[in-house]
Amino acid sequence: MAKGSDRSSGSSKGPRGTRGNRSGSAGSAGRRSGGGKGKSGARAGGKGKSGARAGGKGHSSSDGRRGSSGTSDKRSGGKDGSGAGRRTSSPSRADRAQLRTSGTGGGDLPNWIKEEVARVTARDKRDTVLALLGEAADAFADGRFPRARQQLLRAKKLTSRVATIRELLGLTAYRMGNWDEALRELRTYRRIDGDTTHMSVEMDCQRALDRPEDVEKTWERFRELGGRPAADAEMRVVYASFLLDRGEPRRAWSVINPGRIATDPREWDLRRWYVASRVAAALGDVDTAQQLAAAIERNDLAFPGLDQLHEEIEAAGA
């Protein structure tokens, strides 16, 4: 994986972490895409056949909720999907992301991890657990996933209720293609921590394991719990890709419709545009598909999968 990335956009074939990996990074600010009216209705200032007007009131999820409202920023125990109600010393999402992308940086583990380990680990095991976790974090950040897994499994045997260990083990298993293990560990992490950030990865594992009913249940559960905007966007990327795989492009569009093309897109915006472009092409809306592809290119010419995307758009217009 690209160092520092925990997400890939949903591929039409297989899980995001293997075939069709679309991990991208947001680039410089881009212009809004304009243009004519297309069948899927993804354009600025117009209404297409699907009724999903870009920048207007078209619903962007299968249950009629938009990504910027409804329950997307709510969950049991907190208003922002962050697990409010836990101890005040709990780490932020930025803290956890920093550990995954940078490891320990050659130094000690941060205090929040030491406190987390101390709360649920016998005193005589804490130093060993912290040493194993530090090695695992560095290995994960360097892409040495087998080594990270080895150390995390050893740490887990010593203490099974440390959220960081279960989270990192789940993400490591995902990167290694161990779908059952990844799903099990990330569900355990969610039960311990209350955080919904990795539900998109859970869903992607279910896609890889060919469990369509579980994919649907995970989508509905996320709609109940909610999460931060980034988590909501990633869920839409995976779920829309799942629907497209199943030959349901119109449902997929109701989930992935990006609305207005942002001038300052985040990383997850590019992934959402990518899947939206594929869905628009599947609906025969070549204009919209091209606008979205162009928006990605304005921000990241090296975004993975662009050649394949243009081939799909070309085939749709043939």
C-alpha atoms as a PDB file:
ATOM      1  CA  MET A   1       0.000   0.000   0.000  1.00  0.00           C
ATOM      2  CA  ALA A   2       1.024   3.617  -0.335  1.00  0.00           C
ATOM      3  CA  LYS A   3       2.462   4.571   2.992  1.00  0.00           C
ATOM      4  CA  GLY A   4      -0.099   6.400   5.049  1.00  0.00           C
ATOM      5  CA  SER A   5      -3.169   5.141   3.231  1.00  0.00           C
ATOM      6  CA  ASP A   6      -5.908   3.218   4.991  1.00  0.00           C
ATOM      7  CA  ARG A   7      -8.436   3.358   2.218  1.00  0.00           C
ATOM      8  CA  SER A   8      -8.884   2.386  -1.384  1.00  0.00           C
ATOM      9  CA  SER A   9     -11.923   3.102  -3.453  1.00  0.00           C
ATOM     10  CA  GLY A  10     -14.250   0.257  -4.258  1.00  0.00           C
ATOM     11  CA  SER A  11     -13.342  -1.743  -7.262  1.00  0.00           C
ATOM     12  CA  SER A  12     -15.908  -3.449  -9.409  1.00  0.00           C
ATOM     13  CA  LYS A  13     -13.971  -6.661  -8.913  1.00  0.00           C
ATOM     14  CA  GLY A  14     -13.062  -7.926  -5.511  1.00  0.00           C
ATOM     15  CA  PRO A  15     -12.104  -6.093  -2.350  1.00  0.00           C
ATOM     16  CA  ARG A  16     -10.593  -2.647  -2.318  1.00  0.00           C
ATOM     17  CA  GLY A  17      -7.298  -3.835  -0.907  1.00  0.00           C
ATOM     18  CA  THR A  18      -6.485  -6.280  -3.709  1.00  0.00           C
ATOM     19  CA  ARG A  19      -7.671  -6.141  -7.303  1.00  0.00           C
ATOM     20  CA  GLY A  20      -8.410  -2.664  -8.587  1.00  0.00           C
ATOM     21  CA  ASN A  21      -6.781  -0.859  -5.663  1.00  0.00           C
ATOM     22  CA  ARG A  22      -7.687   2.799  -6.031  1.00  0.00           C
ATOM     23  CA  SER A  23      -5.925   4.478  -3.156  1.00  0.00           C
ATOM     24  CA  GLY A  24      -5.622   8.125  -4.141  1.00  0.00           C
ATOM     25  CA  SER A  25      -4.600  11.348  -2.508  1.00  0.00           C
ATOM     26  CA  ALA A  26      -6.258  14.694  -2.838  1.00  0.00           C
ATOM     27  CA  GLY A  27      -4.296  17.115  -4.920  1.00  0.00           C
ATOM     28  CA  SER A  28      -4.617  20.783  -5.681  1.00  0.00           C
ATOM     29  CA  ALA A  29      -7.950  22.519  -5.851  1.00  0.00           C
ATOM     30  CA  GLY A  30      -9.892  21.778  -8.987  1.00  0.00           C
ATOM     31  CA  ARG A  31     -12.672  23.514 -10.898  1.00  0.00           C
ATOM     32  CA  ARG A  32     -16.297  22.492 -10.745  1.00  0.00           C
ATOM     33  CA  SER A  33     -17.306  20.261 -13.597  1.00  0.00           C
ATOM     34  CA  GLY A  34     -20.004  21.688 -15.757  1.00  0.00           C
ATOM     35  CA  GLY A  35     -21.575  20.506 -18.947  1.00  0.00           C
ATOM     36  CA  GLY A  36     -24.710  19.051 -20.332  1.00  0.00           C
ATOM     37  CA  LYS A  37     -27.477  16.984 -18.888  1.00  0.00           C
ATOM     38  CA  GLY A  38     -26.902  13.243 -18.567  1.00  0.00           C
ATOM     39  CA  LYS A  39     -29.062  10.245 -17.861  1.00  0.00           C
ATOM     40  CA  SER A  40     -27.914   9.830 -14.276  1.00  0.00           C
ATOM     41  CA  GLY A  41     -28.360  13.508 -13.503  1.00  0.00           C
ATOM     42  CA  ALA A  42     -24.872  14.078 -12.120  1.00  0.00           C
ATOM     43  CA  ARG A  43     -24.239  17.594 -13.236  1.00  0.00           C
ATOM     44  CA  ALA A  44     -24.151  21.073 -11.805  1.00  0.00           C
ATOM     45  CA  GLY A  45     -27.368  22.981 -12.172  1.00  0.00           C
ATOM     46  CA  GLY A  46     -29.454  20.425 -14.039  1.00  0.00           C
ATOM     47  CA  LYS A  47     -31.710  17.467 -13.464  1.00  0.00           C
ATOM     48  CA  GLY A  48     -31.192  14.142 -15.197  1.00  0.00           C
ATOM     49  CA  LYS A  49     -33.363  11.101 -15.699  1.00  0.00           C
ATOM     50  CA  SER A  50     -32.576   9.690 -12.291  1.00  0.00           C
ATOM     51  CA  GLY A  51     -33.774  12.879 -10.589  1.00  0.00           C
ATOM     52  CA  ALA A  52     -30.499  13.059  -8.681  1.00  0.00           C
ATOM     53  CA  ARG A  53     -29.440  16.625  -9.437  1.00  0.00           C
ATOM     54  CA  ALA A  54     -25.822  17.418  -8.667  1.00  0.00           C
ATOM     55  CA  GLY A  55     -25.727  20.185  -6.129  1.00  0.00           C
ATOM     56  CA  GLY A  56     -29.468  20.014  -5.629  1.00  0.00           C
ATOM     57  CA  LYS A  57     -31.867  17.944  -3.536  1.00  0.00           C
ATOM     58  CA  GLY A  58     -31.295  14.501  -4.985  1.00  0.00           C
ATOM     59  CA  HIS A  59     -30.945  11.921  -2.234  1.00  0.00           C
ATOM     60  CA  SER A  60     -27.567  10.274  -2.129  1.00  0.00           C
ATOM     61  CA  SER A  61     -28.295   7.076  -0.252  1.00  0.00           C
ATOM     62  CA  SER A  62     -30.668   4.212  -0.755  1.00  0.00           C
ATOM     63  CA  ASP A  63     -32.656   5.186   2.337  1.00  0.00           C
ATOM     64  CA  GLY A  64     -33.100   8.785   1.202  1.00  0.00           C
ATOM     65  CA  ARG A  65     -30.518  10.371   3.480  1.00  0.00           C
ATOM     66  CA  ARG A  66     -27.768  12.660   2.280  1.00  0.00           C
ATOM     67  CA  GLY A  67     -24.148  12.220   3.344  1.00  0.00           C
ATOM     68  CA  SER A  68     -24.087  15.673   4.902  1.00  0.00           C
ATOM     69  CA  SER A  69     -27.174  15.278   7.043  1.00  0.00           C
ATOM     70  CA  GLY A  70     -29.413  12.693   8.601  1.00  0.00           C
ATOM     71  CA  THR A  71     -27.596  10.221  10.812  1.00  0.00           C
ATOM     72  CA  SER A  72     -24.227  10.436   9.126  1.00  0.00           C
ATOM     73  CA  ASP A  73     -22.705  12.331  12.051  1.00  0.00           C
ATOM     74  CA  LYS A  74     -24.569  10.549  14.814  1.00  0.00           C
ATOM     75  CA  ARG A  75     -24.052   7.322  16.653  1.00  0.00           C
ATOM     76  CA  SER A  76     -24.986   5.757  19.939  1.00  0.00           C
ATOM     77  CA  GLY A  77     -22.909   7.397  22.634  1.00  0.00           C
ATOM     78  CA  GLY A  78     -21.824  10.486  20.679  1.00  0.00           C
ATOM     79  CA  LYS A  79     -22.764  13.025  18.033  1.00  0.00           C
ATOM     80  CA  ASP A  80     -19.789  12.664  15.737  1.00  0.00           C
ATOM     81  CA  GLY A  81     -19.128   8.949  15.507  1.00  0.00           C
ATOM     82  CA  SER A  82     -16.113   9.322  17.746  1.00  0.00           C
ATOM     83  CA  GLY A  83     -17.301   7.206  20.633  1.00  0.00           C
ATOM     84  CA  ALA A  84     -18.161  10.064  22.962  1.00  0.00           C
ATOM     85  CA  GLY A  85     -18.826   8.821  26.437  1.00  0.00           C
ATOM     86  CA  ARG A  86     -15.546   6.924  26.632  1.00  0.00           C
ATOM     87  CA  ARG A  87     -12.714   8.056  28.900  1.00  0.00           C
ATOM     88  CA  THR A  88     -11.466  11.584  28.173  1.00  0.00           C
ATOM     89  CA  SER A  89      -7.979  10.175  27.575  1.00  0.00           C
ATOM     90  CA  SER A  90      -9.191   8.175  24.579  1.00  0.00           C
ATOM     91  CA  PRO A  91      -7.256   8.959  21.394  1.00  0.00           C
ATOM     92  CA  SER A  92      -8.653  10.955  18.510  1.00  0.00           C
ATOM     93  CA  ARG A  93      -8.945   9.465  15.036  1.00  0.00           C
ATOM     94  CA  ALA A  94      -5.945  11.597  14.079  1.00  0.00           C
ATOM     95  CA  ASP A  95      -3.944   9.971  16.866  1.00  0.00           C
ATOM     96  CA  ARG A  96      -4.771   6.493  15.605  1.00  0.00           C
ATOM     97  CA  ALA A  97      -4.108   7.433  11.977  1.00  0.00           C
ATOM     98  CA  GLN A  98      -0.740   8.910  12.929  1.00  0.00           C
ATOM     99  CA  LEU A  99       0.264   5.643  14.574  1.00  0.00           C
ATOM    100  CA  ARG A 100      -0.681   3.639  11.458  1.00  0.00           C
ATOM    101  CA  THR A 101       1.055   5.924   8.998  1.00  0.00           C
ATOM    102  CA  SER A 102       4.200   6.824  10.961  1.00  0.00           C
ATOM    103  CA  GLY A 103       4.597   4.127  13.584  1.00  0.00           C
ATOM    104  CA  THR A 104       6.573   5.247  16.614  1.00  0.00           C
ATOM    105  CA  GLY A 105       8.998   7.277  14.548  1.00  0.00           C
ATOM    106  CA  GLY A 106      11.834   5.551  16.358  1.00  0.00           C
ATOM    107  CA  GLY A 107      10.642   6.818  19.744  1.00  0.00           C
ATOM    108  CA  ASP A 108       8.274   5.766  22.477  1.00  0.00           C
ATOM    109  CA  LEU A 109       4.614   5.010  21.989  1.00  0.00           C
ATOM    110  CA  PRO A 110       2.357   7.979  22.769  1.00  0.00           C
ATOM    111  CA  ASN A 111       0.869   8.308  26.239  1.00  0.00           C
ATOM    112  CA  TRP A 112      -2.659   7.504  25.098  1.00  0.00           C
ATOM    113  CA  ILE A 113      -1.550   4.001  24.085  1.00  0.00           C
ATOM    114  CA  LYS A 114       0.277   3.478  27.361  1.00  0.00           C
ATOM    115  CA  GLU A 115      -2.860   4.515  29.242  1.00  0.00           C
ATOM    116  CA  GLU A 116      -5.052   2.286  27.062  1.00  0.00           C
ATOM    117  CA  VAL A 117      -2.814  -0.716  27.679  1.00  0.00           C
ATOM    118  CA  ALA A 118      -2.555   0.001  31.414  1.00  0.00           C
ATOM    119  CA  ARG A 119      -6.338   0.047  31.849  1.00  0.00           C
ATOM    120  CA  VAL A 120      -6.861  -3.535  30.643  1.00  0.00           C
ATOM    121  CA  THR A 121      -3.508  -5.292  31.054  1.00  0.00           C
ATOM    122  CA  ALA A 122      -1.901  -6.949  34.049  1.00  0.00           C
ATOM    123  CA  ARG A 123       0.961  -4.875  35.413  1.00  0.00           C
ATOM    124  CA  ASP A 124       3.611  -7.525  34.796  1.00  0.00           C
ATOM    125  CA  LYS A 125       2.668  -7.768  31.097  1.00  0.00           C
ATOM    126  CA  ARG A 126       2.420  -4.093  30.170  1.00  0.00           C
ATOM    127  CA  ASP A 127       6.025  -3.488  29.138  1.00  0.00           C
ATOM    128  CA  THR A 128       6.044  -6.554  26.910  1.00  0.00           C
ATOM    129  CA  VAL A 129       2.754  -5.574  25.294  1.00  0.00           C
ATOM    130  CA  LEU A 130       3.962  -2.035  24.630  1.00  0.00           C
ATOM    131  CA  ALA A 131       7.200  -3.308  23.095  1.00  0.00           C
ATOM    132  CA  LEU A 132       5.287  -5.678  20.798  1.00  0.00           C
ATOM    133  CA  LEU A 133       2.796  -2.978  19.845  1.00  0.00           C
ATOM    134  CA  GLY A 134       5.576  -0.517  19.052  1.00  0.00           C
ATOM    135  CA  GLU A 135       7.293  -3.031  16.777  1.00  0.00           C
ATOM    136  CA  ALA A 136       3.980  -3.854  15.104  1.00  0.00           C
ATOM    137  CA  ALA A 137       3.138  -0.192  14.503  1.00  0.00           C
ATOM    138  CA  ASP A 138       6.500   0.411  12.846  1.00  0.00           C
ATOM    139  CA  ALA A 139       6.138  -2.720  10.708  1.00  0.00           C
ATOM    140  CA  PHE A 140       2.620  -1.704   9.631  1.00  0.00           C
ATOM    141  CA  ALA A 141       3.741   1.803   8.689  1.00  0.00           C
ATOM    142  CA  ASP A 142       6.560   0.283   6.604  1.00  0.00           C
ATOM    143  CA  GLY A 143       4.221  -2.176   4.853  1.00  0.00           C
ATOM    144  CA  ARG A 144       5.790  -5.215   6.545  1.00  0.00           C
ATOM    145  CA  PHE A 145       2.420  -6.758   7.302  1.00  0.00           C
ATOM    146  CA  PRO A 146       3.461 -10.355   8.148  1.00  0.00           C
ATOM    147  CA  ARG A 147       5.836  -9.004  10.798  1.00  0.00           C
ATOM    148  CA  ALA A 148       3.170  -6.649  12.140  1.00  0.00           C
ATOM    149  CA  ARG A 149       0.693  -9.507  12.372  1.00  0.00           C
ATOM    150  CA  GLN A 150       3.176 -11.724  14.187  1.00  0.00           C
ATOM    151  CA  GLN A 151       3.819  -9.134  16.883  1.00  0.00           C
ATOM    152  CA  LEU A 152       0.150  -8.178  17.213  1.00  0.00           C
ATOM    153  CA  LEU A 153      -0.891 -11.800  17.726  1.00  0.00           C
ATOM    154  CA  ARG A 154       1.688 -12.112  20.494  1.00  0.00           C
ATOM    155  CA  ALA A 155       0.380  -8.934  22.116  1.00  0.00           C
ATOM    156  CA  LYS A 156      -3.218 -10.109  21.787  1.00  0.00           C
ATOM    157  CA  LYS A 157      -2.406 -13.303  23.697  1.00  0.00           C
ATOM    158  CA  LEU A 158      -1.200 -11.182  26.606  1.00  0.00           C
ATOM    159  CA  THR A 159      -4.138  -8.762  26.597  1.00  0.00           C
ATOM    160  CA  SER A 160      -7.240  -9.110  24.444  1.00  0.00           C
ATOM    161  CA  ARG A 161      -9.106  -5.896  25.271  1.00  0.00           C
ATOM    162  CA  VAL A 162      -6.728  -3.252  23.922  1.00  0.00           C
ATOM    163  CA  ALA A 163      -8.634  -1.523  21.117  1.00  0.00           C
ATOM    164  CA  THR A 164      -5.482  -0.435  19.286  1.00  0.00           C
ATOM    165  CA  ILE A 165      -4.189  -4.003  19.067  1.00  0.00           C
ATOM    166  CA  ARG A 166      -7.472  -5.296  17.633  1.00  0.00           C
ATOM    167  CA  GLU A 167      -7.746  -2.365  15.195  1.00  0.00           C
ATOM    168  CA  LEU A 168      -4.210  -2.721  13.886  1.00  0.00           C
ATOM    169  CA  LEU A 169      -4.510  -6.499  13.675  1.00  0.00           C
ATOM    170  CA  GLY A 170      -7.727  -6.164  11.662  1.00  0.00           C
ATOM    171  CA  LEU A 171      -6.205  -3.686   9.224  1.00  0.00           C
ATOM    172  CA  THR A 172      -3.076  -5.824   8.912  1.00  0.00           C
ATOM    173  CA  ALA A 173      -5.161  -8.895   8.098  1.00  0.00           C
ATOM    174  CA  TYR A 174      -7.077  -6.852   5.528  1.00  0.00           C
ATOM    175  CA  ARG A 175      -3.870  -5.778   3.806  1.00  0.00           C
ATOM    176  CA  MET A 176      -2.784  -9.421   3.722  1.00  0.00           C
ATOM    177  CA  GLY A 177      -6.086 -10.616   2.234  1.00  0.00           C
ATOM    178  CA  ASN A 178      -7.117 -12.528   5.365  1.00  0.00           C
ATOM    179  CA  TRP A 179     -10.743 -11.462   5.097  1.00  0.00           C
ATOM    180  CA  ASP A 180     -12.253 -13.577   7.900  1.00  0.00           C
ATOM    181  CA  GLU A 181      -9.606 -12.492  10.382  1.00  0.00           C
ATOM    182  CA  ALA A 182      -9.880  -8.854   9.345  1.00  0.00           C
ATOM    183  CA  LEU A 183     -13.651  -8.892   9.734  1.00  0.00           C
ATOM    184  CA  ARG A 184     -13.480 -10.557  13.136  1.00  0.00           C
ATOM    185  CA  GLU A 185     -10.833  -8.206  14.519  1.00  0.00           C
ATOM    186  CA  LEU A 186     -12.409  -5.015  13.222  1.00  0.00           C
ATOM    187  CA  ARG A 187     -15.800  -5.978  14.619  1.00  0.00           C
ATOM    188  CA  THR A 188     -14.132  -6.592  17.973  1.00  0.00           C
ATOM    189  CA  TYR A 189     -12.404  -3.217  17.748  1.00  0.00           C
ATOM    190  CA  ARG A 190     -15.766  -1.560  17.074  1.00  0.00           C
ATOM    191  CA  ARG A 191     -17.366  -3.295  20.053  1.00  0.00           C
ATOM    192  CA  ILE A 192     -14.531  -2.181  22.353  1.00  0.00           C
ATOM    193  CA  ASP A 193     -14.133   1.368  21.071  1.00  0.00           C
ATOM    194  CA  GLY A 194     -17.528   2.258  19.611  1.00  0.00           C
ATOM    195  CA  ASP A 195     -15.876   3.784  16.526  1.00  0.00           C
ATOM    196  CA  THR A 196     -17.499   3.195  13.104  1.00  0.00           C
ATOM    197  CA  THR A 197     -14.555   4.378  11.001  1.00  0.00           C
ATOM    198  CA  HIS A 198     -13.624   0.921   9.694  1.00  0.00           C
ATOM    199  CA  MET A 199     -17.114  -0.351   8.863  1.00  0.00           C
ATOM    200  CA  SER A 200     -16.301   0.211   5.186  1.00  0.00           C
ATOM    201  CA  VAL A 201     -13.420  -2.241   5.559  1.00  0.00           C
ATOM    202  CA  GLU A 202     -15.761  -4.695   7.289  1.00  0.00           C
ATOM    203  CA  MET A 203     -18.110  -4.385   4.324  1.00  0.00           C
ATOM    204  CA  ASP A 204     -15.302  -4.853   1.837  1.00  0.00           C
ATOM    205  CA  CYS A 205     -14.287  -8.076   3.577  1.00  0.00           C
ATOM    206  CA  GLN A 206     -17.877  -9.258   3.249  1.00  0.00           C
ATOM    207  CA  ARG A 207     -17.724  -8.457  -0.462  1.00  0.00           C
ATOM    208  CA  ALA A 208     -14.559 -10.510  -0.777  1.00  0.00           C
ATOM    209  CA  LEU A 209     -16.181 -13.399   1.108  1.00  0.00           C
ATOM    210  CA  ASP A 210     -19.257 -13.208  -1.169  1.00  0.00           C
ATOM    211  CA  ARG A 211     -21.718 -12.461   1.620  1.00  0.00           C
ATOM    212  CA  PRO A 212     -24.179 -10.069  -0.026  1.00  0.00           C
ATOM    213  CA  GLU A 213     -26.743 -10.267   2.766  1.00  0.00           C
ATOM    214  CA  ASP A 214     -24.100  -9.265   5.298  1.00  0.00           C
ATOM    215  CA  VAL A 215     -23.078  -6.348   3.081  1.00  0.00           C
ATOM    216  CA  GLU A 216     -26.659  -5.082   3.122  1.00  0.00           C
ATOM    217  CA  LYS A 217     -26.873  -5.498   6.902  1.00  0.00           C
ATOM    218  CA  THR A 218     -23.617  -3.614   7.421  1.00  0.00           C
ATOM    219  CA  TRP A 219     -24.864  -0.744   5.269  1.00  0.00           C
ATOM    220  CA  GLU A 220     -28.102  -0.518   7.228  1.00  0.00           C
ATOM    221  CA  ARG A 221     -26.253  -0.737  10.525  1.00  0.00           C
ATOM    222  CA  PHE A 222     -23.965   2.115   9.544  1.00  0.00           C
ATOM    223  CA  ARG A 223     -26.976   4.213   8.574  1.00  0.00           C
ATOM    224  CA  GLU A 224     -28.255   3.663  12.124  1.00  0.00           C
ATOM    225  CA  LEU A 225     -24.954   4.381  13.870  1.00  0.00           C
ATOM    226  CA  GLY A 226     -23.545   7.027  11.549  1.00  0.00           C
ATOM    227  CA  GLY A 227     -20.003   8.303  11.493  1.00  0.00           C
ATOM    228  CA  ARG A 228     -17.768  11.119  10.427  1.00  0.00           C
ATOM    229  CA  PRO A 229     -17.981  12.483   6.853  1.00  0.00           C
ATOM    230  CA  ALA A 230     -14.902  10.488   5.810  1.00  0.00           C
ATOM    231  CA  ALA A 231     -16.400   7.245   7.128  1.00  0.00           C
ATOM    232  CA  ASP A 232     -19.700   8.013   5.402  1.00  0.00           C
ATOM    233  CA  ALA A 233     -17.933   8.653   2.094  1.00  0.00           C
ATOM    234  CA  GLU A 234     -15.944   5.424   2.320  1.00  0.00           C
ATOM    235  CA  MET A 235     -19.088   3.413   3.079  1.00  0.00           C
ATOM    236  CA  ARG A 236     -20.727   4.872  -0.020  1.00  0.00           C
ATOM    237  CA  VAL A 237     -17.699   4.003  -2.144  1.00  0.00           C
ATOM    238  CA  VAL A 238     -17.782   0.352  -1.083  1.00  0.00           C
ATOM    239  CA  TYR A 239     -21.557  -0.080  -1.078  1.00  0.00           C
ATOM    240  CA  ALA A 240     -22.048   1.581  -4.457  1.00  0.00           C
ATOM    241  CA  SER A 241     -19.310  -0.622  -5.916  1.00  0.00           C
ATOM    242  CA  PHE A 242     -21.098  -3.645  -4.476  1.00  0.00           C
ATOM    243  CA  LEU A 243     -24.381  -2.568  -6.093  1.00  0.00           C
ATOM    244  CA  LEU A 244     -22.649  -1.952  -9.414  1.00  0.00           C
ATOM    245  CA  ASP A 245     -21.169  -5.461  -9.249  1.00  0.00           C
ATOM    246  CA  ARG A 246     -24.691  -6.813  -8.807  1.00  0.00           C
ATOM    247  CA  GLY A 247     -26.052  -5.005 -11.847  1.00  0.00           C
ATOM    248  CA  GLU A 248     -27.909  -2.291  -9.924  1.00  0.00           C
ATOM    249  CA  PRO A 249     -26.378   0.935 -11.251  1.00  0.00           C
ATOM    250  CA  ARG A 250     -29.421   3.089 -10.488  1.00  0.00           C
ATOM    251  CA  ARG A 251     -29.373   2.093  -6.825  1.00  0.00           C
ATOM    252  CA  ALA A 252     -25.628   2.608  -6.876  1.00  0.00           C
ATOM    253  CA  TRP A 253     -26.117   6.144  -8.190  1.00  0.00           C
ATOM    254  CA  SER A 254     -28.555   6.954  -5.381  1.00  0.00           C
ATOM    255  CA  VAL A 255     -25.781   6.018  -2.947  1.00  0.00           C
ATOM    256  CA  ILE A 256     -22.718   7.538  -4.631  1.00  0.00           C
ATOM    257  CA  ASN A 257     -24.104  10.720  -6.269  1.00  0.00           C
ATOM    258  CA  PRO A 258     -21.415  13.248  -5.298  1.00  0.00           C
ATOM    259  CA  GLY A 259     -23.514  16.379  -5.710  1.00  0.00           C
ATOM    260  CA  ARG A 260     -21.459  19.443  -6.503  1.00  0.00           C
ATOM    261  CA  ILE A 261     -17.871  18.927  -7.572  1.00  0.00           C
ATOM    262  CA  ALA A 262     -15.832  20.415  -4.733  1.00  0.00           C
ATOM    263  CA  THR A 263     -13.060  22.868  -5.546  1.00  0.00           C
ATOM    264  CA  ASP A 264     -10.989  21.658  -2.587  1.00  0.00           C
ATOM    265  CA  PRO A 265     -11.595  17.885  -2.569  1.00  0.00           C
ATOM    266  CA  ARG A 266     -10.417  15.569   0.148  1.00  0.00           C
ATOM    267  CA  GLU A 267      -8.883  12.183  -0.585  1.00  0.00           C
ATOM    268  CA  TRP A 268     -12.179  10.401  -0.133  1.00  0.00           C
ATOM    269  CA  ASP A 269     -13.885  12.816  -2.545  1.00  0.00           C
ATOM    270  CA  LEU A 270     -11.659  11.557  -5.367  1.00  0.00           C
ATOM    271  CA  ARG A 271     -12.556   7.958  -4.585  1.00  0.00           C
ATOM    272  CA  ARG A 272     -16.227   8.861  -4.517  1.00  0.00           C
ATOM    273  CA  TRP A 273     -15.923  10.617  -7.882  1.00  0.00           C
ATOM    274  CA  TYR A 274     -14.162   7.588  -9.323  1.00  0.00           C
ATOM    275  CA  VAL A 275     -16.964   5.194  -8.405  1.00  0.00           C
ATOM    276  CA  ALA A 276     -19.595   7.766  -9.394  1.00  0.00           C
ATOM    277  CA  SER A 277     -17.954   8.058 -12.813  1.00  0.00           C
ATOM    278  CA  ARG A 278     -18.090   4.282 -13.258  1.00  0.00           C
ATOM    279  CA  VAL A 279     -21.736   4.208 -12.221  1.00  0.00           C
ATOM    280  CA  ALA A 280     -22.620   7.068 -14.570  1.00  0.00           C
ATOM    281  CA  ALA A 281     -20.918   5.196 -17.421  1.00  0.00           C
ATOM    282  CA  ALA A 282     -22.918   2.074 -16.568  1.00  0.00           C
ATOM    283  CA  LEU A 283     -26.084   4.164 -16.792  1.00  0.00           C
ATOM    284  CA  GLY A 284     -25.043   5.444 -20.227  1.00  0.00           C
ATOM    285  CA  ASP A 285     -24.400   8.971 -18.963  1.00  0.00           C
ATOM    286  CA  VAL A 286     -21.078   9.488 -20.716  1.00  0.00           C
ATOM    287  CA  ASP A 287     -21.031  13.270 -20.204  1.00  0.00           C
ATOM    288  CA  THR A 288     -21.263  12.949 -16.438  1.00  0.00           C
ATOM    289  CA  ALA A 289     -18.739  10.127 -16.363  1.00  0.00           C
ATOM    290  CA  GLN A 290     -16.273  12.256 -18.323  1.00  0.00           C
ATOM    291  CA  GLN A 291     -16.838  15.295 -16.093  1.00  0.00           C
ATOM    292  CA  LEU A 292     -16.093  13.287 -12.974  1.00  0.00           C
ATOM    293  CA  ALA A 293     -13.015  11.667 -14.528  1.00  0.00           C
ATOM    294  CA  ALA A 294     -11.753  15.103 -15.558  1.00  0.00           C
ATOM    295  CA  ALA A 295     -12.305  16.404 -12.025  1.00  0.00           C
ATOM    296  CA  ILE A 296     -10.147  13.582 -10.655  1.00  0.00           C
ATOM    297  CA  GLU A 297      -7.399  14.290 -13.181  1.00  0.00           C
ATOM    298  CA  ARG A 298      -7.353  17.998 -12.314  1.00  0.00           C
ATOM    299  CA  ASN A 299      -6.516  17.037  -8.742  1.00  0.00           C
ATOM    300  CA  ASP A 300      -4.417  13.893  -9.138  1.00  0.00           C
ATOM    301  CA  LEU A 301      -3.088  12.817 -12.532  1.00  0.00           C
ATOM    302  CA  ALA A 302      -1.546   9.731 -10.917  1.00  0.00           C
ATOM    303  CA  PHE A 303      -4.797   8.535  -9.357  1.00  0.00           C
ATOM    304  CA  PRO A 304      -4.795   4.716  -9.719  1.00  0.00           C
ATOM    305  CA  GLY A 305      -7.239   3.236 -12.193  1.00  0.00           C
ATOM    306  CA  LEU A 306      -7.732   6.241 -14.472  1.00  0.00           C
ATOM    307  CA  ASP A 307      -6.821   4.289 -17.605  1.00  0.00           C
ATOM    308  CA  GLN A 308      -9.368   1.616 -16.754  1.00  0.00           C
ATOM    309  CA  LEU A 309     -11.946   4.285 -16.026  1.00  0.00           C
ATOM    310  CA  HIS A 310     -11.465   5.922 -19.427  1.00  0.00           C
ATOM    311  CA  GLU A 311     -11.800   2.514 -21.086  1.00  0.00           C
ATOM    312  CA  GLU A 312     -15.141   1.969 -19.347  1.00  0.00           C
ATOM    313  CA  ILE A 313     -16.366   5.429 -20.343  1.00  0.00           C
ATOM    314  CA  GLU A 314     -15.263   4.854 -23.949  1.00  0.00           C
ATOM    315  CA  ALA A 315     -17.071   1.503 -24.035  1.00  0.00           C
ATOM    316  CA  ALA A 316     -20.226   3.142 -22.647  1.00  0.00           C
ATOM    317  CA  GLY A 317     -20.186   5.708 -25.446  1.00  0.00           C
ATOM    318  CA  ALA A 318     -19.542   3.237 -28.235  1.00  0.00           C
END
